[in-house]
Amino acid sequence: MLVLVGDFDTRDAIARIEKNYASIPRQPAPPAIDMTEPEQRAERRVTVDDVLARAPRVDVAFKAVPGNTADFYALQVLANALQGGQSSGSTKVG
């Protein structure tokens, strides 16, 4: 990755970049990351006691699609729309 900032002539900058960096060979792509998880066979619950917490909190999570997929990123956008901002219906305590 190369980042240029400032007042420069674009054509001159591209020419200099090609002159100095075009001969560097491309590196092989890294192997894909294995994001599989073991099969979840039962419900899991955890209770955390926090003496500094100002209010009780309940988190509920459900298994979703694997990460690093198109569906995962679409669900991230949906989650942000539903959970964030003034129109999300979420309330802030404090």
PDB file of N, CA and C in Angstrom:
ATOM      1  N   MET A   1       0.851  -1.152   0.000  1.00  0.00           N
ATOM      2  CA  MET A   1       0.000   0.000   0.000  1.00  0.00           C
ATOM      3  C   MET A   1       0.902   1.220   0.000  1.00  0.00           C
ATOM      4  N   LEU A   2       0.502   2.189  -0.753  1.00  0.00           N
ATOM      5  CA  LEU A   2       1.240   3.437  -0.843  1.00  0.00           C
ATOM      6  C   LEU A   2       0.248   4.577  -0.712  1.00  0.00           C
ATOM      7  N   VAL A   3       0.564   5.525   0.136  1.00  0.00           N
ATOM      8  CA  VAL A   3      -0.310   6.673   0.355  1.00  0.00           C
ATOM      9  C   VAL A   3       0.477   7.935   0.061  1.00  0.00           C
ATOM     10  N   LEU A   4      -0.094   8.801  -0.749  1.00  0.00           N
ATOM     11  CA  LEU A   4       0.518  10.095  -1.056  1.00  0.00           C
ATOM     12  C   LEU A   4      -0.365  11.196  -0.485  1.00  0.00           C
ATOM     13  N   VAL A   5       0.261  12.157   0.168  1.00  0.00           N
ATOM     14  CA  VAL A   5      -0.476  13.264   0.764  1.00  0.00           C
ATOM     15  C   VAL A   5       0.246  14.552   0.431  1.00  0.00           C
ATOM     16  N   GLY A   6      -0.486  15.569   0.109  1.00  0.00           N
ATOM     17  CA  GLY A   6       0.121  16.872  -0.119  1.00  0.00           C
ATOM     18  C   GLY A   6      -0.166  17.390  -1.517  1.00  0.00           C
ATOM     19  N   ASP A   7       0.529  18.447  -1.849  1.00  0.00           N
ATOM     20  CA  ASP A   7       0.354  19.091  -3.134  1.00  0.00           C
ATOM     21  C   ASP A   7       1.398  18.536  -4.098  1.00  0.00           C
ATOM     22  N   PHE A   8       0.956  17.707  -5.035  1.00  0.00           N
ATOM     23  CA  PHE A   8       1.873  17.099  -5.998  1.00  0.00           C
ATOM     24  C   PHE A   8       1.172  16.938  -7.328  1.00  0.00           C
ATOM     25  N   ASP A   9       1.963  16.783  -8.378  1.00  0.00           N
ATOM     26  CA  ASP A   9       1.430  16.544  -9.715  1.00  0.00           C
ATOM     27  C   ASP A   9       1.136  15.049  -9.851  1.00  0.00           C
ATOM     28  N   THR A  10      -0.094  14.708 -10.120  1.00  0.00           N
ATOM     29  CA  THR A  10      -0.513  13.311 -10.152  1.00  0.00           C
ATOM     30  C   THR A  10       0.259  12.514 -11.195  1.00  0.00           C
ATOM     31  N   ARG A  11       0.389  13.029 -12.403  1.00  0.00           N
ATOM     32  CA  ARG A  11       1.105  12.296 -13.463  1.00  0.00           C
ATOM     33  C   ARG A  11       2.556  12.044 -13.068  1.00  0.00           C
ATOM     34  N   ASP A  12       3.207  13.059 -12.504  1.00  0.00           N
ATOM     35  CA  ASP A  12       4.594  12.912 -12.079  1.00  0.00           C
ATOM     36  C   ASP A  12       4.702  11.881 -10.957  1.00  0.00           C
ATOM     37  N   ALA A  13       3.780  11.919 -10.010  1.00  0.00           N
ATOM     38  CA  ALA A  13       3.809  10.967  -8.895  1.00  0.00           C
ATOM     39  C   ALA A  13       3.634   9.540  -9.397  1.00  0.00           C
ATOM     40  N   ILE A  14       2.680   9.322 -10.300  1.00  0.00           N
ATOM     41  CA  ILE A  14       2.460   7.973 -10.837  1.00  0.00           C
ATOM     42  C   ILE A  14       3.685   7.494 -11.594  1.00  0.00           C
ATOM     43  N   ALA A  15       4.296   8.368 -12.369  1.00  0.00           N
ATOM     44  CA  ALA A  15       5.509   7.992 -13.113  1.00  0.00           C
ATOM     45  C   ALA A  15       6.634   7.597 -12.160  1.00  0.00           C
ATOM     46  N   ARG A  16       6.819   8.345 -11.102  1.00  0.00           N
ATOM     47  CA  ARG A  16       7.875   8.030 -10.126  1.00  0.00           C
ATOM     48  C   ARG A  16       7.581   6.716  -9.396  1.00  0.00           C
ATOM     49  N   ILE A  17       6.334   6.511  -9.051  1.00  0.00           N
ATOM     50  CA  ILE A  17       5.948   5.270  -8.363  1.00  0.00           C
ATOM     51  C   ILE A  17       6.217   4.077  -9.273  1.00  0.00           C
ATOM     52  N   GLU A  18       5.775   4.150 -10.516  1.00  0.00           N
ATOM     53  CA  GLU A  18       6.010   3.048 -11.453  1.00  0.00           C
ATOM     54  C   GLU A  18       7.504   2.800 -11.657  1.00  0.00           C
ATOM     55  N   LYS A  19       8.289   3.864 -11.767  1.00  0.00           N
ATOM     56  CA  LYS A  19       9.735   3.722 -11.969  1.00  0.00           C
ATOM     57  C   LYS A  19      10.387   3.012 -10.781  1.00  0.00           C
ATOM     58  N   ASN A  20       9.997   3.375  -9.575  1.00  0.00           N
ATOM     59  CA  ASN A  20      10.656   2.860  -8.385  1.00  0.00           C
ATOM     60  C   ASN A  20      10.069   1.552  -7.836  1.00  0.00           C
ATOM     61  N   TYR A  21       8.804   1.268  -8.143  1.00  0.00           N
ATOM     62  CA  TYR A  21       8.167   0.120  -7.503  1.00  0.00           C
ATOM     63  C   TYR A  21       7.645  -0.947  -8.466  1.00  0.00           C
ATOM     64  N   ALA A  22       7.549  -0.653  -9.756  1.00  0.00           N
ATOM     65  CA  ALA A  22       6.969  -1.616 -10.701  1.00  0.00           C
ATOM     66  C   ALA A  22       7.787  -2.897 -10.799  1.00  0.00           C
ATOM     67  N   SER A  23       9.080  -2.836 -10.530  1.00  0.00           N
ATOM     68  CA  SER A  23       9.934  -4.030 -10.657  1.00  0.00           C
ATOM     69  C   SER A  23       9.824  -4.967  -9.456  1.00  0.00           C
ATOM     70  N   ILE A  24       9.169  -4.546  -8.391  1.00  0.00           N
ATOM     71  CA  ILE A  24       9.028  -5.403  -7.209  1.00  0.00           C
ATOM     72  C   ILE A  24       7.966  -6.456  -7.515  1.00  0.00           C
ATOM     73  N   PRO A  25       8.319  -7.749  -7.412  1.00  0.00           N
ATOM     74  CA  PRO A  25       7.335  -8.789  -7.737  1.00  0.00           C
ATOM     75  C   PRO A  25       6.235  -8.883  -6.674  1.00  0.00           C
ATOM     76  N   ARG A  26       5.073  -9.263  -7.145  1.00  0.00           N
ATOM     77  CA  ARG A  26       3.945  -9.451  -6.247  1.00  0.00           C
ATOM     78  C   ARG A  26       4.182 -10.674  -5.382  1.00  0.00           C
ATOM     79  N   GLN A  27       3.857 -10.567  -4.129  1.00  0.00           N
ATOM     80  CA  GLN A  27       3.998 -11.693  -3.209  1.00  0.00           C
ATOM     81  C   GLN A  27       2.793 -12.621  -3.359  1.00  0.00           C
ATOM     82  N   PRO A  28       2.967 -13.911  -3.076  1.00  0.00           N
ATOM     83  CA  PRO A  28       1.825 -14.814  -3.159  1.00  0.00           C
ATOM     84  C   PRO A  28       0.766 -14.437  -2.112  1.00  0.00           C
ATOM     85  N   ALA A  29      -0.472 -14.681  -2.462  1.00  0.00           N
ATOM     86  CA  ALA A  29      -1.571 -14.384  -1.535  1.00  0.00           C
ATOM     87  C   ALA A  29      -1.459 -15.300  -0.314  1.00  0.00           C
ATOM     88  N   PRO A  30      -1.768 -14.794   0.862  1.00  0.00           N
ATOM     89  CA  PRO A  30      -1.706 -15.637   2.054  1.00  0.00           C
ATOM     90  C   PRO A  30      -2.801 -16.693   2.007  1.00  0.00           C
ATOM     91  N   PRO A  31      -2.619 -17.804   2.707  1.00  0.00           N
ATOM     92  CA  PRO A  31      -3.655 -18.830   2.718  1.00  0.00           C
ATOM     93  C   PRO A  31      -4.921 -18.309   3.407  1.00  0.00           C
ATOM     94  N   ALA A  32      -6.044 -18.856   3.009  1.00  0.00           N
ATOM     95  CA  ALA A  32      -7.315 -18.454   3.617  1.00  0.00           C
ATOM     96  C   ALA A  32      -7.326 -18.844   5.093  1.00  0.00           C
ATOM     97  N   ILE A  33      -7.940 -18.017   5.903  1.00  0.00           N
ATOM     98  CA  ILE A  33      -8.024 -18.272   7.340  1.00  0.00           C
ATOM     99  C   ILE A  33      -9.175 -19.227   7.610  1.00  0.00           C
ATOM    100  N   ASP A  34      -8.905 -20.260   8.388  1.00  0.00           N
ATOM    101  CA  ASP A  34      -9.944 -21.232   8.767  1.00  0.00           C
ATOM    102  C   ASP A  34     -10.752 -20.650   9.914  1.00  0.00           C
ATOM    103  N   MET A  35     -11.997 -20.276   9.637  1.00  0.00           N
ATOM    104  CA  MET A  35     -12.832 -19.650  10.651  1.00  0.00           C
ATOM    105  C   MET A  35     -13.922 -20.590  11.150  1.00  0.00           C
ATOM    106  N   THR A  36     -13.762 -21.890  10.899  1.00  0.00           N
ATOM    107  CA  THR A  36     -14.766 -22.838  11.366  1.00  0.00           C
ATOM    108  C   THR A  36     -14.687 -22.988  12.881  1.00  0.00           C
ATOM    109  N   GLU A  37     -15.804 -23.248  13.472  1.00  0.00           N
ATOM    110  CA  GLU A  37     -15.889 -23.446  14.911  1.00  0.00           C
ATOM    111  C   GLU A  37     -16.428 -24.838  15.190  1.00  0.00           C
ATOM    112  N   PRO A  38     -16.126 -25.365  16.364  1.00  0.00           N
ATOM    113  CA  PRO A  38     -16.709 -26.662  16.707  1.00  0.00           C
ATOM    114  C   PRO A  38     -18.232 -26.557  16.767  1.00  0.00           C
ATOM    115  N   GLU A  39     -18.900 -27.644  16.496  1.00  0.00           N
ATOM    116  CA  GLU A  39     -20.358 -27.660  16.538  1.00  0.00           C
ATOM    117  C   GLU A  39     -20.831 -27.374  17.955  1.00  0.00           C
ATOM    118  N   GLN A  40     -21.792 -26.478  18.064  1.00  0.00           N
ATOM    119  CA  GLN A  40     -22.357 -26.175  19.374  1.00  0.00           C
ATOM    120  C   GLN A  40     -23.492 -27.144  19.637  1.00  0.00           C
ATOM    121  N   ARG A  41     -23.368 -27.915  20.672  1.00  0.00           N
ATOM    122  CA  ARG A  41     -24.334 -28.987  20.942  1.00  0.00           C
ATOM    123  C   ARG A  41     -25.362 -28.622  22.007  1.00  0.00           C
ATOM    124  N   ALA A  42     -25.116 -27.568  22.755  1.00  0.00           N
ATOM    125  CA  ALA A  42     -26.044 -27.219  23.834  1.00  0.00           C
ATOM    126  C   ALA A  42     -25.966 -25.728  24.134  1.00  0.00           C
ATOM    127  N   GLU A  43     -26.927 -25.272  24.875  1.00  0.00           N
ATOM    128  CA  GLU A  43     -26.963 -23.889  25.315  1.00  0.00           C
ATOM    129  C   GLU A  43     -25.803 -23.627  26.273  1.00  0.00           C
ATOM    130  N   ARG A  44     -25.259 -22.411  26.202  1.00  0.00           N
ATOM    131  CA  ARG A  44     -24.204 -22.026  27.134  1.00  0.00           C
ATOM    132  C   ARG A  44     -24.627 -20.749  27.848  1.00  0.00           C
ATOM    133  N   ARG A  45     -24.429 -20.724  29.152  1.00  0.00           N
ATOM    134  CA  ARG A  45     -24.769 -19.543  29.941  1.00  0.00           C
ATOM    135  C   ARG A  45     -23.565 -19.149  30.786  1.00  0.00           C
ATOM    136  N   VAL A  46     -23.400 -17.845  30.957  1.00  0.00           N
ATOM    137  CA  VAL A  46     -22.321 -17.325  31.783  1.00  0.00           C
ATOM    138  C   VAL A  46     -22.883 -16.177  32.609  1.00  0.00           C
ATOM    139  N   THR A  47     -22.529 -16.139  33.863  1.00  0.00           N
ATOM    140  CA  THR A  47     -22.903 -15.033  34.729  1.00  0.00           C
ATOM    141  C   THR A  47     -21.630 -14.353  35.202  1.00  0.00           C
ATOM    142  N   VAL A  48     -21.596 -13.041  35.060  1.00  0.00           N
ATOM    143  CA  VAL A  48     -20.441 -12.269  35.495  1.00  0.00           C
ATOM    144  C   VAL A  48     -20.926 -11.257  36.521  1.00  0.00           C
ATOM    145  N   ASP A  49     -20.341 -11.290  37.706  1.00  0.00           N
ATOM    146  CA  ASP A  49     -20.669 -10.315  38.739  1.00  0.00           C
ATOM    147  C   ASP A  49     -19.653  -9.190  38.679  1.00  0.00           C
ATOM    148  N   ASP A  50     -20.140  -7.975  38.432  1.00  0.00           N
ATOM    149  CA  ASP A  50     -19.273  -6.807  38.324  1.00  0.00           C
ATOM    150  C   ASP A  50     -19.684  -5.814  39.395  1.00  0.00           C
ATOM    151  N   VAL A  51     -18.865  -5.654  40.411  1.00  0.00           N
ATOM    152  CA  VAL A  51     -19.217  -4.764  41.517  1.00  0.00           C
ATOM    153  C   VAL A  51     -19.238  -3.298  41.085  1.00  0.00           C
ATOM    154  N   LEU A  52     -18.620  -2.983  39.973  1.00  0.00           N
ATOM    155  CA  LEU A  52     -18.595  -1.606  39.489  1.00  0.00           C
ATOM    156  C   LEU A  52     -19.728  -1.289  38.511  1.00  0.00           C
ATOM    157  N   ALA A  53     -20.508  -2.285  38.128  1.00  0.00           N
ATOM    158  CA  ALA A  53     -21.594  -2.062  37.173  1.00  0.00           C
ATOM    159  C   ALA A  53     -22.668  -1.181  37.799  1.00  0.00           C
ATOM    160  N   ARG A  54     -23.181  -0.240  37.009  1.00  0.00           N
ATOM    161  CA  ARG A  54     -24.207   0.682  37.512  1.00  0.00           C
ATOM    162  C   ARG A  54     -25.611   0.125  37.350  1.00  0.00           C
ATOM    163  N   ALA A  55     -25.765  -0.861  36.476  1.00  0.00           N
ATOM    164  CA  ALA A  55     -27.092  -1.437  36.229  1.00  0.00           C
ATOM    165  C   ALA A  55     -26.904  -2.866  35.725  1.00  0.00           C
ATOM    166  N   PRO A  56     -27.907  -3.710  35.943  1.00  0.00           N
ATOM    167  CA  PRO A  56     -27.808  -5.077  35.406  1.00  0.00           C
ATOM    168  C   PRO A  56     -27.857  -5.067  33.880  1.00  0.00           C
ATOM    169  N   ARG A  57     -27.313  -6.096  33.275  1.00  0.00           N
ATOM    170  CA  ARG A  57     -27.288  -6.185  31.811  1.00  0.00           C
ATOM    171  C   ARG A  57     -27.464  -7.643  31.415  1.00  0.00           C
ATOM    172  N   VAL A  58     -28.230  -7.851  30.371  1.00  0.00           N
ATOM    173  CA  VAL A  58     -28.423  -9.187  29.823  1.00  0.00           C
ATOM    174  C   VAL A  58     -28.029  -9.158  28.355  1.00  0.00           C
ATOM    175  N   ASP A  59     -27.163 -10.056  27.961  1.00  0.00           N
ATOM    176  CA  ASP A  59     -26.787 -10.209  26.560  1.00  0.00           C
ATOM    177  C   ASP A  59     -27.315 -11.540  26.073  1.00  0.00           C
ATOM    178  N   VAL A  60     -27.943 -11.546  24.923  1.00  0.00           N
ATOM    179  CA  VAL A  60     -28.428 -12.770  24.305  1.00  0.00           C
ATOM    180  C   VAL A  60     -27.766 -12.865  22.939  1.00  0.00           C
ATOM    181  N   ALA A  61     -27.159 -14.004  22.657  1.00  0.00           N
ATOM    182  CA  ALA A  61     -26.464 -14.181  21.381  1.00  0.00           C
ATOM    183  C   ALA A  61     -26.950 -15.459  20.707  1.00  0.00           C
ATOM    184  N   PHE A  62     -26.993 -15.412  19.398  1.00  0.00           N
ATOM    185  CA  PHE A  62     -27.400 -16.564  18.617  1.00  0.00           C
ATOM    186  C   PHE A  62     -26.333 -16.874  17.591  1.00  0.00           C
ATOM    187  N   LYS A  63     -26.209 -18.115  17.245  1.00  0.00           N
ATOM    188  CA  LYS A  63     -25.261 -18.530  16.217  1.00  0.00           C
ATOM    189  C   LYS A  63     -25.692 -17.920  14.883  1.00  0.00           C
ATOM    190  N   ALA A  64     -24.728 -17.404  14.156  1.00  0.00           N
ATOM    191  CA  ALA A  64     -25.019 -16.785  12.859  1.00  0.00           C
ATOM    192  C   ALA A  64     -24.123 -17.405  11.796  1.00  0.00           C
ATOM    193  N   VAL A  65     -24.067 -16.762  10.664  1.00  0.00           N
ATOM    194  CA  VAL A  65     -23.258 -17.256   9.548  1.00  0.00           C
ATOM    195  C   VAL A  65     -21.775 -17.109   9.886  1.00  0.00           C
ATOM    196  N   PRO A  66     -20.905 -17.871   9.227  1.00  0.00           N
ATOM    197  CA  PRO A  66     -19.469 -17.739   9.488  1.00  0.00           C
ATOM    198  C   PRO A  66     -18.963 -16.343   9.148  1.00  0.00           C
ATOM    199  N   GLY A  67     -17.925 -15.926   9.852  1.00  0.00           N
ATOM    200  CA  GLY A  67     -17.305 -14.630   9.580  1.00  0.00           C
ATOM    201  C   GLY A  67     -16.580 -14.653   8.253  1.00  0.00           C
ATOM    202  N   ASN A  68     -16.254 -13.464   7.771  1.00  0.00           N
ATOM    203  CA  ASN A  68     -15.511 -13.301   6.524  1.00  0.00           C
ATOM    204  C   ASN A  68     -16.281 -13.823   5.308  1.00  0.00           C
ATOM    205  N   THR A  69     -17.589 -13.689   5.339  1.00  0.00           N
ATOM    206  CA  THR A  69     -18.435 -14.038   4.188  1.00  0.00           C
ATOM    207  C   THR A  69     -19.324 -12.836   3.877  1.00  0.00           C
ATOM    208  N   ALA A  70     -19.892 -12.820   2.688  1.00  0.00           N
ATOM    209  CA  ALA A  70     -20.765 -11.709   2.298  1.00  0.00           C
ATOM    210  C   ALA A  70     -21.966 -11.599   3.245  1.00  0.00           C
ATOM    211  N   ASP A  71     -22.528 -12.732   3.646  1.00  0.00           N
ATOM    212  CA  ASP A  71     -23.674 -12.703   4.553  1.00  0.00           C
ATOM    213  C   ASP A  71     -23.292 -12.136   5.920  1.00  0.00           C
ATOM    214  N   PHE A  72     -22.093 -12.445   6.391  1.00  0.00           N
ATOM    215  CA  PHE A  72     -21.632 -11.929   7.678  1.00  0.00           C
ATOM    216  C   PHE A  72     -21.593 -10.403   7.655  1.00  0.00           C
ATOM    217  N   TYR A  73     -21.015  -9.833   6.598  1.00  0.00           N
ATOM    218  CA  TYR A  73     -20.900  -8.379   6.522  1.00  0.00           C
ATOM    219  C   TYR A  73     -22.273  -7.727   6.376  1.00  0.00           C
ATOM    220  N   ALA A  74     -23.184  -8.372   5.669  1.00  0.00           N
ATOM    221  CA  ALA A  74     -24.547  -7.848   5.564  1.00  0.00           C
ATOM    222  C   ALA A  74     -25.220  -7.844   6.938  1.00  0.00           C
ATOM    223  N   LEU A  75     -24.999  -8.886   7.728  1.00  0.00           N
ATOM    224  CA  LEU A  75     -25.570  -8.934   9.077  1.00  0.00           C
ATOM    225  C   LEU A  75     -24.951  -7.875   9.987  1.00  0.00           C
ATOM    226  N   GLN A  76     -23.675  -7.550   9.774  1.00  0.00           N
ATOM    227  CA  GLN A  76     -23.036  -6.492  10.551  1.00  0.00           C
ATOM    228  C   GLN A  76     -23.718  -5.150  10.278  1.00  0.00           C
ATOM    229  N   VAL A  77     -24.018  -4.883   9.008  1.00  0.00           N
ATOM    230  CA  VAL A  77     -24.697  -3.639   8.651  1.00  0.00           C
ATOM    231  C   VAL A  77     -26.087  -3.609   9.283  1.00  0.00           C
ATOM    232  N   LEU A  78     -26.816  -4.726   9.206  1.00  0.00           N
ATOM    233  CA  LEU A  78     -28.143  -4.801   9.807  1.00  0.00           C
ATOM    234  C   LEU A  78     -28.068  -4.597  11.315  1.00  0.00           C
ATOM    235  N   ALA A  79     -27.107  -5.227  11.969  1.00  0.00           N
ATOM    236  CA  ALA A  79     -26.963  -5.084  13.417  1.00  0.00           C
ATOM    237  C   ALA A  79     -26.705  -3.628  13.798  1.00  0.00           C
ATOM    238  N   ASN A  80     -25.866  -2.954  13.039  1.00  0.00           N
ATOM    239  CA  ASN A  80     -25.593  -1.546  13.335  1.00  0.00           C
ATOM    240  C   ASN A  80     -26.839  -0.690  13.149  1.00  0.00           C
ATOM    241  N   ALA A  81     -27.632  -1.001  12.131  1.00  0.00           N
ATOM    242  CA  ALA A  81     -28.862  -0.242  11.898  1.00  0.00           C
ATOM    243  C   ALA A  81     -29.869  -0.470  13.023  1.00  0.00           C
ATOM    244  N   LEU A  82     -29.952  -1.691  13.522  1.00  0.00           N
ATOM    245  CA  LEU A  82     -30.927  -2.017  14.558  1.00  0.00           C
ATOM    246  C   LEU A  82     -30.473  -1.597  15.955  1.00  0.00           C
ATOM    247  N   GLN A  83     -29.182  -1.590  16.187  1.00  0.00           N
ATOM    248  CA  GLN A  83     -28.682  -1.359  17.542  1.00  0.00           C
ATOM    249  C   GLN A  83     -28.116   0.026  17.781  1.00  0.00           C
ATOM    250  N   GLY A  84     -27.819   0.771  16.755  1.00  0.00           N
ATOM    251  CA  GLY A  84     -27.145   2.043  16.959  1.00  0.00           C
ATOM    252  C   GLY A  84     -27.987   3.215  16.493  1.00  0.00           C
ATOM    253  N   GLY A  85     -27.669   4.371  17.016  1.00  0.00           N
ATOM    254  CA  GLY A  85     -28.342   5.579  16.565  1.00  0.00           C
ATOM    255  C   GLY A  85     -29.647   5.849  17.300  1.00  0.00           C
ATOM    256  N   GLN A  86     -30.207   7.005  17.034  1.00  0.00           N
ATOM    257  CA  GLN A  86     -31.410   7.440  17.736  1.00  0.00           C
ATOM    258  C   GLN A  86     -32.651   6.672  17.314  1.00  0.00           C
ATOM    259  N   SER A  87     -32.668   6.136  16.093  1.00  0.00           N
ATOM    260  CA  SER A  87     -33.866   5.456  15.612  1.00  0.00           C
ATOM    261  C   SER A  87     -33.848   3.954  15.871  1.00  0.00           C
ATOM    262  N   SER A  88     -32.853   3.462  16.605  1.00  0.00           N
ATOM    263  CA  SER A  88     -32.711   2.033  16.787  1.00  0.00           C
ATOM    264  C   SER A  88     -33.649   1.460  17.833  1.00  0.00           C
ATOM    265  N   GLY A  89     -34.168   2.292  18.684  1.00  0.00           N
ATOM    266  CA  GLY A  89     -35.013   1.788  19.753  1.00  0.00           C
ATOM    267  C   GLY A  89     -34.210   1.450  20.996  1.00  0.00           C
ATOM    268  N   SER A  90     -32.879   1.515  20.919  1.00  0.00           N
ATOM    269  CA  SER A  90     -32.071   1.234  22.095  1.00  0.00           C
ATOM    270  C   SER A  90     -32.099   2.437  23.022  1.00  0.00           C
ATOM    271  N   THR A  91     -32.011   2.184  24.300  1.00  0.00           N
ATOM    272  CA  THR A  91     -32.008   3.266  25.261  1.00  0.00           C
ATOM    273  C   THR A  91     -30.703   3.262  26.017  1.00  0.00           C
ATOM    274  N   LYS A  92     -30.262   4.418  26.358  1.00  0.00           N
ATOM    275  CA  LYS A  92     -29.018   4.553  27.131  1.00  0.00           C
ATOM    276  C   LYS A  92     -29.373   4.771  28.586  1.00  0.00           C
ATOM    277  N   VAL A  93     -28.662   4.065  29.470  1.00  0.00           N
ATOM    278  CA  VAL A  93     -28.879   4.211  30.890  1.00  0.00           C
ATOM    279  C   VAL A  93     -27.816   5.141  31.438  1.00  0.00           C
ATOM    280  N   GLY A  94     -28.221   6.103  32.227  1.00  0.00           N
ATOM    281  CA  GLY A  94     -27.232   6.962  32.863  1.00  0.00           C
ATOM    282  C   GLY A  94     -27.364   8.327  32.447  1.00  0.00           C
TER     283      GLY A  94
END
